[in-house]
Amino acid sequence: MKTDFFFPVLFLFFFALIVSCTNGPVQIYPENPHYFSYKGHPIVLITSDHHYGAVIDQDFDFEKYLKFLSDNEMNLTRIYPGGMFEPTDKYLKGNPLGPRPGRQLLPWALSEEVGANPSLALPGKPSYKYDLDKWNPQYFDRLKAFAELARKNGIIVEIPFFNGMYADCWPLMAMYHGNNIQNIGQYAAEDCGLFTTTDDRNKPVMKYQKAYIQKIVTELNEYDNIIYDICDEPSLQGLPDGSITVNPDSMVAPWIIEMKEAFLQAEKSLPKKHLLGQTVQNLSPDFSKDSWCEWLAAEYVRPAEKALNMNYGTNKPIVNVESNYFGTSLTKDPYTADAIRVEGWWFMLSGGAGNINLNGEYYRENESGSSITRSQIAPQRKILKEFMDGLGLSGLTRFTKISATPDDAICNGLAENGKQYALYIFHGSHDSEWGANFVPKPGNYVDTLTLGDIPEGVYFLKWYNPVSGAVMSSEKHNWKGGNFTAITPPYSLDIALKISSHK
């Protein structure tokens, strides 16, 4: 009798365990914590993304945008859910994070009290203040419609609740004293950096920041395709003269702690638990060793490189969530489709879990991108994702025992030693200012690679063209062990290599 009872119970236990692993929100891949898993499978996250305003800009056709991502096998997008947005058309005309006046759709309900910033109203119409104690059902309908459509298209939605504040943005925010009936946010544009601190002048704001986090988390709890981070560049303070100062960690870290507590408290009573992360190595305190910080957001080439070097050992997924802004470059150097490709391959083959190309070719009434996106960027992102999907992620780790001749070649890789290797080589340099991107250097190249300490075995090499995805050449080596040398086929800018111990 006991045996008859035991086996059905055991079966139900393991069935429930399998279901829990194959369903539910995005989680850390249990076999390799440098990657995520979703629906029971390890995933890498690759995309070319709009500028985060798909939900708050009522005029942005996110159905068209998400379809374009899905059609090109991209599986990640990023949205700001209302805690920070930008003046109309900042950076470029049609920027969805800078909606037209009166077309901003925010989480809070409008009151009947006029006097808010005129940019928050339709031209010629009264500008009503927000009531921060009431929510806007229309906003949450659109937010959930976006999350649902992304889910149906196999797209993960990354949501940072806040961004470090800019002086030209703060007077537009719902939490700015002139725009809400609660009269909170009593500080001027030049003091906008207080928004991500526990300064006494921001204490009344923090009450509503926490409520906003809790509401977003509650409304989106049913969606498995969501990951969160607290704040993008929380130490940043963009001043009225266009300069940027940086708040010290001692001012910002306590605020982040309080915001993450609001998140954890909200999810505590909810059925589904979602991943929470925080930016590292770019205008943010480093919480990479804290257990609550389950994944790490990095940005731009130099800070992302720093994150890989300093934080990879914490065994958490690192996602490059923001690149230089294609179409409206943050640097003086030209930012091209080649630079986007190089940065994506470099980061993913250095141990990254995901990569976002911030792309100014998506904007209002142009949600499928322009010619360069359609003909170069999106197809090349697809090739990168297919290359990564072809690797066995469970055993991969960074492989640094690589050298190249000539020494101006930049080479990086992943390995499961003795089983599989994936390498990427390109020629270029960091941009001339602060390392926002790489500057490619096309030419005619044949490089010699040396890989250290390769075990004895039979290895099959395939050289790939990252532009087309085509196999350029294949080789077989009966290796006796030790430092392994490989010579690239001729190439013009970049080349990738897969090595396996079987065909």
Protein backbone atom coordinates (compact mmCIF):
# COMPACT_ATOMS: atom_id res chain seq x y z
CA MET A 1 0.00 0.00 0.00
CA LYS A 2 2.73 2.44 0.92
CA THR A 3 4.65 1.65 -2.29
CA ASP A 4 1.53 2.08 -4.41
CA PHE A 5 1.05 5.49 -2.87
CA PHE A 6 4.69 6.55 -3.05
CA PHE A 7 5.27 6.28 -6.80
CA PRO A 8 2.30 8.44 -7.93
CA VAL A 9 3.31 11.10 -5.42
CA LEU A 10 6.91 10.94 -6.61
CA PHE A 11 5.74 11.21 -10.23
CA LEU A 12 3.61 14.26 -9.40
CA PHE A 13 6.54 15.85 -7.59
CA PHE A 14 8.90 15.49 -10.55
CA PHE A 15 6.18 16.55 -13.00
CA ALA A 16 5.64 19.72 -10.96
CA LEU A 17 9.40 20.28 -10.87
CA ILE A 18 9.63 19.96 -14.68
CA VAL A 19 6.69 22.31 -15.17
CA SER A 20 8.22 24.87 -12.84
CA CYS A 21 11.47 24.78 -14.81
CA THR A 22 9.83 25.03 -18.24
CA ASN A 23 7.24 27.63 -17.31
CA GLY A 24 7.37 30.78 -15.29
CA PRO A 25 9.39 33.99 -15.64
CA VAL A 26 12.84 34.35 -17.13
CA GLN A 27 15.36 32.93 -14.70
CA ILE A 28 19.09 32.37 -14.33
CA TYR A 29 20.19 29.32 -16.31
CA PRO A 30 20.92 26.77 -13.57
CA GLU A 31 23.68 25.01 -15.56
CA ASN A 32 25.54 28.26 -16.33
CA PRO A 33 24.64 31.41 -14.34
CA HIS A 34 26.22 33.69 -16.96
CA TYR A 35 23.08 33.19 -19.07
CA PHE A 36 19.32 33.36 -18.71
CA SER A 37 16.81 30.59 -19.34
CA TYR A 38 13.23 30.86 -20.55
CA LYS A 39 10.65 28.11 -21.03
CA GLY A 40 13.21 25.55 -19.93
CA HIS A 41 15.92 26.54 -22.41
CA PRO A 42 19.05 28.72 -22.14
CA ILE A 43 18.82 31.93 -24.15
CA VAL A 44 20.95 34.82 -25.29
CA LEU A 45 19.24 38.19 -25.75
CA ILE A 46 20.06 40.08 -28.96
CA THR A 47 18.27 43.11 -30.37
CA SER A 48 18.37 46.44 -32.15
CA ASP A 49 16.11 48.62 -30.02
CA HIS A 50 14.03 51.80 -30.11
CA HIS A 51 14.60 54.50 -27.48
CA TYR A 52 12.51 53.02 -24.66
CA GLY A 53 9.27 54.99 -25.13
CA ALA A 54 7.08 52.42 -26.87
CA VAL A 55 4.47 52.46 -24.11
CA ILE A 56 4.50 56.06 -22.91
CA ASP A 57 4.34 57.50 -26.46
CA GLN A 58 0.74 56.99 -27.58
CA ASP A 59 1.73 57.68 -31.19
CA PHE A 60 4.36 54.92 -31.37
CA ASP A 61 2.99 51.83 -33.14
CA PHE A 62 4.49 49.13 -30.96
CA GLU A 63 2.65 46.37 -32.80
CA LYS A 64 4.57 47.19 -35.95
CA TYR A 65 7.81 47.54 -33.99
CA LEU A 66 7.51 44.21 -32.14
CA LYS A 67 6.59 42.43 -35.36
CA PHE A 68 9.75 43.75 -36.99
CA LEU A 69 11.86 42.45 -34.10
CA SER A 70 10.18 39.05 -34.24
CA ASP A 71 10.45 38.78 -38.01
CA ASN A 72 14.20 39.32 -37.65
CA GLU A 73 14.54 36.83 -34.77
CA MET A 74 15.44 39.50 -32.20
CA ASN A 75 14.18 38.68 -28.72
CA LEU A 76 14.73 41.68 -26.43
CA THR A 77 13.38 45.18 -25.98
CA ARG A 78 13.71 47.82 -23.28
CA ILE A 79 11.09 50.28 -22.02
CA TYR A 80 11.01 53.11 -19.53
CA PRO A 81 7.59 52.81 -17.86
CA GLY A 82 7.07 56.49 -16.98
CA GLY A 83 9.45 57.36 -14.16
CA MET A 84 11.57 59.38 -16.59
CA PHE A 85 11.01 60.60 -20.15
CA GLU A 86 12.42 63.36 -22.35
CA PRO A 87 11.34 66.62 -23.97
CA THR A 88 9.57 66.27 -27.30
CA ASP A 89 11.91 65.08 -30.07
CA LYS A 90 15.06 65.27 -27.94
CA TYR A 91 18.01 63.74 -29.83
CA LEU A 92 15.93 63.17 -32.97
CA LYS A 93 12.52 63.95 -34.44
CA GLY A 94 10.03 61.26 -33.51
CA ASN A 95 12.03 59.95 -30.55
CA PRO A 96 9.44 57.83 -28.67
CA LEU A 97 10.95 58.71 -25.29
CA GLY A 98 10.14 62.34 -26.16
CA PRO A 99 6.43 62.17 -27.09
CA ARG A 100 4.56 65.05 -28.67
CA PRO A 101 3.01 67.51 -26.17
CA GLY A 102 -0.02 65.96 -24.54
CA ARG A 103 0.67 62.52 -26.02
CA GLN A 104 2.62 61.27 -23.01
CA LEU A 105 0.82 58.34 -21.39
CA LEU A 106 1.91 57.98 -17.76
CA PRO A 107 0.90 55.70 -14.87
CA TRP A 108 -0.80 58.47 -12.88
CA ALA A 109 -4.28 59.88 -13.40
CA LEU A 110 -4.82 63.51 -14.31
CA SER A 111 -6.61 65.71 -11.81
CA GLU A 112 -8.97 68.57 -12.57
CA GLU A 113 -6.38 71.13 -11.41
CA VAL A 114 -4.67 73.09 -14.19
CA GLY A 115 -1.21 74.64 -14.15
CA ALA A 116 1.14 71.81 -15.07
CA ASN A 117 3.95 72.26 -17.59
CA PRO A 118 2.38 73.25 -20.95
CA SER A 119 4.41 70.52 -22.68
CA LEU A 120 2.21 67.97 -20.92
CA ALA A 121 -0.91 69.16 -22.74
CA LEU A 122 -2.12 69.11 -26.30
CA PRO A 123 -1.42 72.43 -28.08
CA GLY A 124 -4.02 75.03 -27.09
CA LYS A 125 -5.48 72.82 -24.34
CA PRO A 126 -5.23 73.17 -20.54
CA SER A 127 -2.40 71.33 -18.83
CA TYR A 128 -3.81 69.37 -15.89
CA LYS A 129 -1.71 68.27 -12.95
CA TYR A 130 -1.30 64.62 -12.02
CA ASP A 131 -2.87 63.06 -8.95
CA LEU A 132 -0.12 60.75 -7.74
CA ASP A 133 -2.54 58.91 -5.46
CA LYS A 134 -4.58 57.69 -8.43
CA TRP A 135 -3.58 55.43 -11.31
CA ASN A 136 -4.34 55.80 -15.00
CA PRO A 137 -6.18 52.67 -16.29
CA GLN A 138 -5.49 53.63 -19.92
CA TYR A 139 -1.74 53.51 -19.25
CA PHE A 140 -1.86 50.06 -17.66
CA ASP A 141 -4.03 48.72 -20.48
CA ARG A 142 -1.34 49.81 -22.96
CA LEU A 143 1.51 48.53 -20.78
CA LYS A 144 -0.04 45.08 -20.50
CA ALA A 145 -0.92 45.00 -24.18
CA PHE A 146 2.75 45.65 -24.95
CA ALA A 147 3.92 42.94 -22.54
CA GLU A 148 1.41 40.45 -23.96
CA LEU A 149 2.29 41.11 -27.59
CA ALA A 150 5.99 40.86 -26.77
CA ARG A 151 5.31 37.54 -25.05
CA LYS A 152 3.47 36.19 -28.08
CA ASN A 153 6.42 37.21 -30.26
CA GLY A 154 8.98 35.55 -27.99
CA ILE A 155 10.46 38.89 -26.89
CA ILE A 156 11.83 39.57 -23.41
CA VAL A 157 10.97 43.03 -22.03
CA GLU A 158 13.65 44.67 -19.87
CA ILE A 159 12.24 47.38 -17.60
CA PRO A 160 14.33 49.90 -15.65
CA PHE A 161 12.00 51.83 -13.37
CA PHE A 162 14.08 55.02 -13.45
CA ASN A 163 16.96 56.83 -15.11
CA GLY A 164 19.35 59.37 -13.63
CA MET A 165 17.65 62.72 -14.06
CA TYR A 166 18.39 65.56 -16.51
CA ALA A 167 17.61 69.22 -15.91
CA ASP A 168 15.55 69.49 -19.10
CA CYS A 169 13.49 66.44 -18.08
CA TRP A 170 12.80 67.12 -14.41
CA PRO A 171 10.29 70.00 -14.97
CA LEU A 172 8.24 67.60 -17.15
CA MET A 173 8.04 64.76 -14.64
CA ALA A 174 4.82 63.87 -12.84
CA MET A 175 6.74 63.99 -9.54
CA TYR A 176 7.96 67.56 -10.13
CA HIS A 177 6.13 69.93 -7.79
CA GLY A 178 4.58 71.98 -10.59
CA ASN A 179 2.97 68.93 -12.17
CA ASN A 180 1.20 67.19 -9.28
CA ILE A 181 -1.52 68.16 -6.81
CA GLN A 182 0.46 66.63 -3.94
CA ASN A 183 3.03 69.42 -4.43
CA ILE A 184 5.96 67.05 -3.96
CA GLY A 185 9.32 67.31 -5.73
CA GLN A 186 10.17 70.72 -4.36
CA TYR A 187 13.53 71.26 -6.01
CA ALA A 188 14.66 73.04 -9.13
CA ALA A 189 15.98 71.76 -12.45
CA GLU A 190 19.60 72.36 -11.50
CA ASP A 191 19.09 70.05 -8.49
CA CYS A 192 17.60 67.24 -10.60
CA GLY A 193 20.19 64.77 -9.33
CA LEU A 194 18.31 64.62 -6.02
CA PHE A 195 15.73 62.41 -7.75
CA THR A 196 17.86 59.30 -7.16
CA THR A 197 18.95 60.08 -3.60
CA THR A 198 17.54 59.92 -0.08
CA ASP A 199 18.15 63.65 0.40
CA ASP A 200 15.47 65.22 2.61
CA ARG A 201 14.21 67.22 -0.36
CA ASN A 202 13.47 63.95 -2.17
CA LYS A 203 11.90 62.09 0.74
CA PRO A 204 8.31 63.01 -0.24
CA VAL A 205 9.09 61.88 -3.81
CA MET A 206 10.39 58.53 -2.60
CA LYS A 207 6.98 57.58 -1.23
CA TYR A 208 5.56 57.81 -4.74
CA GLN A 209 8.61 56.26 -6.39
CA LYS A 210 8.07 53.17 -4.25
CA ALA A 211 4.35 53.08 -4.95
CA TYR A 212 5.08 53.32 -8.68
CA ILE A 213 7.47 50.35 -8.52
CA GLN A 214 4.95 48.31 -6.55
CA LYS A 215 2.15 49.11 -8.99
CA ILE A 216 4.20 48.23 -12.11
CA VAL A 217 5.36 44.97 -10.55
CA THR A 218 1.84 44.02 -9.48
CA GLU A 219 0.26 44.78 -12.84
CA LEU A 220 2.90 42.84 -14.77
CA ASN A 221 3.25 39.89 -12.43
CA GLU A 222 1.40 37.52 -14.76
CA TYR A 223 3.92 38.04 -17.59
CA ASP A 224 6.86 35.65 -17.72
CA ASN A 225 8.82 37.61 -20.32
CA ILE A 226 9.82 40.48 -17.99
CA ILE A 227 13.10 41.29 -16.25
CA TYR A 228 13.66 44.44 -14.20
CA ASP A 229 16.41 46.74 -13.06
CA ILE A 230 16.12 49.59 -10.59
CA CYS A 231 17.69 52.53 -12.35
CA ASP A 232 19.74 53.34 -15.41
CA GLU A 233 22.73 55.55 -14.53
CA PRO A 234 21.37 56.63 -11.11
CA SER A 235 24.42 58.76 -10.29
CA LEU A 236 23.98 60.89 -13.40
CA GLN A 237 22.89 64.52 -13.08
CA GLY A 238 22.42 66.38 -16.36
CA LEU A 239 22.69 70.11 -15.68
CA PRO A 240 20.99 73.04 -17.46
CA ASP A 241 24.15 74.00 -19.34
CA GLY A 242 24.33 70.53 -20.88
CA SER A 243 27.16 69.32 -18.65
CA ILE A 244 26.93 66.19 -16.53
CA THR A 245 28.01 65.76 -12.94
CA VAL A 246 28.02 62.53 -10.96
CA ASN A 247 26.49 62.03 -7.54
CA PRO A 248 28.77 60.06 -5.19
CA ASP A 249 27.84 56.47 -4.38
CA SER A 250 27.12 57.47 -0.79
CA MET A 251 24.20 59.59 -2.01
CA VAL A 252 22.78 57.09 -4.50
CA ALA A 253 23.31 53.67 -2.91
CA PRO A 254 20.84 54.16 -0.01
CA TRP A 255 18.15 55.21 -2.51
CA ILE A 256 18.73 52.10 -4.65
CA ILE A 257 18.46 49.94 -1.53
CA GLU A 258 15.10 51.47 -0.64
CA MET A 259 13.81 51.04 -4.19
CA LYS A 260 14.85 47.38 -4.36
CA GLU A 261 13.12 46.79 -1.03
CA ALA A 262 9.94 48.21 -2.53
CA PHE A 263 10.31 45.76 -5.43
CA LEU A 264 10.98 42.76 -3.20
CA GLN A 265 8.15 43.64 -0.85
CA ALA A 266 5.74 43.93 -3.78
CA GLU A 267 6.69 40.54 -5.24
CA LYS A 268 6.71 38.83 -1.86
CA SER A 269 2.96 38.35 -1.89
CA LEU A 270 2.68 37.75 -5.65
CA PRO A 271 2.69 34.31 -7.30
CA LYS A 272 5.51 34.93 -9.79
CA LYS A 273 9.03 36.13 -9.01
CA HIS A 274 10.98 38.12 -11.61
CA LEU A 275 14.67 38.88 -11.92
CA LEU A 276 15.97 42.22 -10.63
CA GLY A 277 19.28 43.79 -11.60
CA GLN A 278 21.21 47.05 -11.49
CA THR A 279 23.72 48.87 -13.69
CA VAL A 280 27.41 48.31 -13.00
CA GLN A 281 30.52 50.27 -14.01
CA ASN A 282 28.68 53.23 -15.53
CA LEU A 283 27.40 56.00 -13.25
CA SER A 284 26.13 53.58 -10.63
CA PRO A 285 27.26 51.98 -7.38
CA ASP A 286 28.26 48.35 -7.86
CA PHE A 287 25.80 45.90 -6.25
CA SER A 288 27.04 42.91 -8.23
CA LYS A 289 27.90 40.89 -5.12
CA ASP A 290 24.51 41.40 -3.47
CA SER A 291 22.13 38.45 -3.77
CA TRP A 292 19.14 40.63 -4.71
CA CYS A 293 21.03 41.92 -7.77
CA GLU A 294 20.50 38.86 -9.95
CA TRP A 295 21.74 40.20 -13.29
CA LEU A 296 23.98 43.09 -14.32
CA ALA A 297 23.27 45.86 -16.80
CA ALA A 298 26.31 47.35 -18.57
CA GLU A 299 26.51 50.18 -21.11
CA TYR A 300 28.84 51.30 -23.91
CA VAL A 301 32.14 49.69 -24.82
CA ARG A 302 34.56 50.81 -22.11
CA PRO A 303 32.16 50.46 -19.16
CA ALA A 304 30.93 47.13 -20.56
CA GLU A 305 34.52 45.94 -20.89
CA LYS A 306 35.13 47.00 -17.30
CA ALA A 307 32.02 45.09 -16.20
CA LEU A 308 33.17 41.93 -17.95
CA ASN A 309 36.61 42.18 -16.37
CA MET A 310 35.46 43.13 -12.86
CA ASN A 311 32.07 41.45 -12.49
CA TYR A 312 32.18 38.24 -14.55
CA GLY A 313 33.44 36.39 -11.49
CA THR A 314 30.19 37.11 -9.64
CA ASN A 315 28.60 34.49 -11.93
CA LYS A 316 25.65 36.58 -13.07
CA PRO A 317 24.36 37.40 -16.56
CA ILE A 318 25.80 40.66 -17.91
CA VAL A 319 23.74 42.46 -20.55
CA ASN A 320 25.00 45.44 -22.54
CA VAL A 321 21.68 47.30 -22.37
CA GLU A 322 22.69 50.44 -24.26
CA SER A 323 25.10 51.17 -27.08
CA ASN A 324 26.02 54.44 -28.69
CA TYR A 325 22.83 55.91 -30.21
CA PHE A 326 22.89 55.02 -33.91
CA GLY A 327 21.71 57.93 -36.06
CA THR A 328 22.53 60.52 -33.41
CA SER A 329 25.97 59.54 -32.16
CA LEU A 330 27.11 60.49 -28.67
CA THR A 331 30.68 60.83 -29.95
CA LYS A 332 32.42 62.74 -32.71
CA ASP A 333 33.44 59.58 -34.54
CA PRO A 334 31.03 58.18 -37.13
CA TYR A 335 28.92 55.37 -35.76
CA THR A 336 28.19 52.85 -38.49
CA ALA A 337 26.50 49.50 -39.05
CA ASP A 338 30.00 47.98 -38.99
CA ALA A 339 30.60 49.47 -35.54
CA ILE A 340 27.29 48.05 -34.29
CA ARG A 341 28.15 44.59 -35.60
CA VAL A 342 31.65 44.68 -34.12
CA GLU A 343 30.41 45.77 -30.70
CA GLY A 344 27.73 43.08 -30.58
CA TRP A 345 30.05 40.23 -31.53
CA TRP A 346 32.82 41.51 -29.28
CA PHE A 347 30.53 41.68 -26.24
CA MET A 348 28.75 38.37 -26.73
CA LEU A 349 31.99 36.49 -27.48
CA SER A 350 33.50 38.08 -24.35
CA GLY A 351 30.94 36.43 -22.08
CA GLY A 352 27.89 38.66 -22.37
CA ALA A 353 24.36 37.34 -21.91
CA GLY A 354 22.68 39.93 -24.11
CA ASN A 355 23.24 43.01 -26.24
CA ILE A 356 21.06 45.98 -27.18
CA ASN A 357 21.88 48.25 -30.10
CA LEU A 358 20.20 51.60 -29.37
CA ASN A 359 18.92 52.60 -32.80
CA GLY A 360 17.63 56.01 -33.88
CA GLU A 361 16.16 54.56 -37.08
CA TYR A 362 13.09 53.50 -35.08
CA TYR A 363 10.81 56.44 -34.33
CA ARG A 364 7.19 57.53 -34.55
CA GLU A 365 5.73 56.53 -37.93
CA ASN A 366 8.95 54.61 -38.73
CA GLU A 367 8.66 51.70 -36.31
CA SER A 368 10.30 49.17 -38.65
CA GLY A 369 13.49 51.18 -38.97
CA SER A 370 15.04 52.77 -42.02
CA SER A 371 17.16 51.35 -44.81
CA ILE A 372 20.36 50.66 -42.84
CA THR A 373 18.44 48.87 -40.11
CA ARG A 374 16.51 46.73 -42.56
CA SER A 375 19.39 45.93 -44.90
CA GLN A 376 22.33 45.65 -42.48
CA ILE A 377 21.72 45.99 -38.76
CA ALA A 378 18.76 43.63 -38.30
CA PRO A 379 20.10 40.87 -40.62
CA GLN A 380 23.49 41.02 -38.91
CA ARG A 381 21.92 40.83 -35.45
CA LYS A 382 20.11 37.71 -36.62
CA ILE A 383 23.41 36.16 -37.72
CA LEU A 384 24.99 36.90 -34.34
CA LYS A 385 22.05 35.34 -32.50
CA GLU A 386 22.14 32.24 -34.71
CA PHE A 387 25.88 31.88 -34.09
CA MET A 388 25.35 32.10 -30.31
CA ASP A 389 22.34 29.77 -30.42
CA GLY A 390 24.57 27.20 -32.12
CA LEU A 391 26.83 26.97 -29.08
CA GLY A 392 26.28 24.73 -26.08
CA LEU A 393 25.81 27.40 -23.42
CA SER A 394 25.85 25.11 -20.40
CA GLY A 395 29.64 24.68 -20.35
CA LEU A 396 30.83 27.99 -21.81
CA THR A 397 33.00 30.48 -19.99
CA ARG A 398 35.31 33.32 -20.97
CA PHE A 399 38.47 32.19 -22.74
CA THR A 400 41.36 34.61 -22.38
CA LYS A 401 44.31 32.47 -23.43
CA ILE A 402 44.33 34.02 -26.90
CA SER A 403 46.90 36.11 -28.73
CA ALA A 404 46.89 37.39 -32.29
CA THR A 405 49.57 38.41 -34.77
CA PRO A 406 49.68 41.18 -35.85
CA ASP A 407 48.98 42.59 -32.42
CA ASP A 408 46.56 45.28 -33.59
CA ALA A 409 43.89 42.58 -34.01
CA ILE A 410 41.39 42.47 -31.15
CA CYS A 411 40.47 38.91 -30.25
CA ASN A 412 38.23 37.41 -27.60
CA GLY A 413 36.43 34.14 -27.04
CA LEU A 414 34.43 31.58 -25.13
CA ALA A 415 35.33 27.99 -24.41
CA GLU A 416 34.31 24.70 -22.91
CA ASN A 417 37.85 23.46 -22.74
CA GLY A 418 38.56 20.48 -24.96
CA LYS A 419 34.98 20.45 -26.36
CA GLN A 420 34.11 23.76 -28.01
CA TYR A 421 35.61 27.20 -28.64
CA ALA A 422 34.08 30.34 -30.17
CA LEU A 423 36.37 33.22 -31.13
CA TYR A 424 35.88 36.66 -32.67
CA ILE A 425 38.60 38.80 -34.25
CA PHE A 426 38.36 42.32 -35.62
CA HIS A 427 40.49 45.37 -36.36
CA GLY A 428 39.63 48.73 -34.87
CA SER A 429 40.00 50.94 -31.81
CA HIS A 430 37.97 52.66 -29.12
CA ASP A 431 36.42 55.96 -30.13
CA SER A 432 38.51 59.04 -29.44
CA GLU A 433 36.46 60.40 -26.55
CA TRP A 434 35.27 58.16 -23.71
CA GLY A 435 34.84 54.72 -25.20
CA ALA A 436 31.21 54.79 -26.28
CA ASN A 437 31.91 52.50 -29.23
CA PHE A 438 34.56 50.91 -31.42
CA VAL A 439 35.83 52.59 -34.58
CA PRO A 440 36.29 49.81 -37.18
CA LYS A 441 39.41 49.72 -39.35
CA PRO A 442 38.67 47.89 -42.62
CA GLY A 443 41.61 46.48 -44.56
CA ASN A 444 43.06 43.25 -45.94
CA TYR A 445 43.92 40.94 -43.07
CA VAL A 446 45.34 37.48 -42.46
CA ASP A 447 46.01 36.89 -38.75
CA THR A 448 47.68 34.16 -36.78
CA LEU A 449 45.91 33.11 -33.59
CA THR A 450 47.48 31.24 -30.71
CA LEU A 451 45.19 29.49 -28.23
CA GLY A 452 46.82 28.38 -25.00
CA ASP A 453 46.61 24.94 -23.39
CA ILE A 454 44.32 23.13 -25.81
CA PRO A 455 43.96 19.46 -24.78
CA GLU A 456 44.81 16.61 -27.13
CA GLY A 457 42.05 15.71 -29.55
CA VAL A 458 40.59 15.92 -33.03
CA TYR A 459 39.26 19.42 -33.68
CA PHE A 460 37.10 20.79 -36.47
CA LEU A 461 37.45 24.48 -37.32
CA LYS A 462 34.88 26.62 -39.16
CA TRP A 463 35.59 30.24 -40.09
CA TYR A 464 32.51 32.47 -40.42
CA ASN A 465 31.81 35.79 -42.10
CA PRO A 466 29.86 37.82 -39.47
CA VAL A 467 28.29 39.98 -42.21
CA SER A 468 26.72 37.14 -44.19
CA GLY A 469 26.93 34.21 -41.79
CA ALA A 470 28.61 32.15 -44.51
CA VAL A 471 31.26 29.57 -43.69
CA MET A 472 34.46 30.85 -45.29
CA SER A 473 36.54 27.72 -44.80
CA SER A 474 36.75 24.52 -42.74
CA GLU A 475 39.69 22.58 -41.32
CA LYS A 476 40.42 19.43 -39.33
CA HIS A 477 43.32 19.15 -36.88
CA ASN A 478 44.65 16.10 -35.06
CA TRP A 479 46.10 17.89 -32.07
CA LYS A 480 48.59 16.47 -29.59
CA GLY A 481 47.96 19.10 -26.93
CA GLY A 482 49.49 22.44 -25.97
CA ASN A 483 49.36 25.88 -27.58
CA PHE A 484 47.26 25.69 -30.73
CA THR A 485 47.92 27.92 -33.77
CA ALA A 486 45.34 28.81 -36.43
CA ILE A 487 45.65 31.13 -39.43
CA THR A 488 42.60 33.05 -40.58
CA PRO A 489 41.43 33.09 -44.17
CA PRO A 490 41.77 36.56 -45.74
CA TYR A 491 39.13 38.96 -44.39
CA SER A 492 38.38 42.67 -44.49
CA LEU A 493 37.29 43.70 -40.95
CA ASP A 494 36.08 40.87 -38.73
CA ILE A 495 35.86 37.10 -38.68
CA ALA A 496 34.52 34.44 -36.30
CA LEU A 497 35.73 30.93 -35.56
CA LYS A 498 34.06 27.86 -34.09
CA ILE A 499 36.17 24.94 -32.94
CA SER A 500 34.56 21.68 -31.88
CA SER A 501 35.81 18.25 -30.95
CA HIS A 502 33.18 16.69 -33.26
CA LYS A 503 31.75 17.55 -36.65
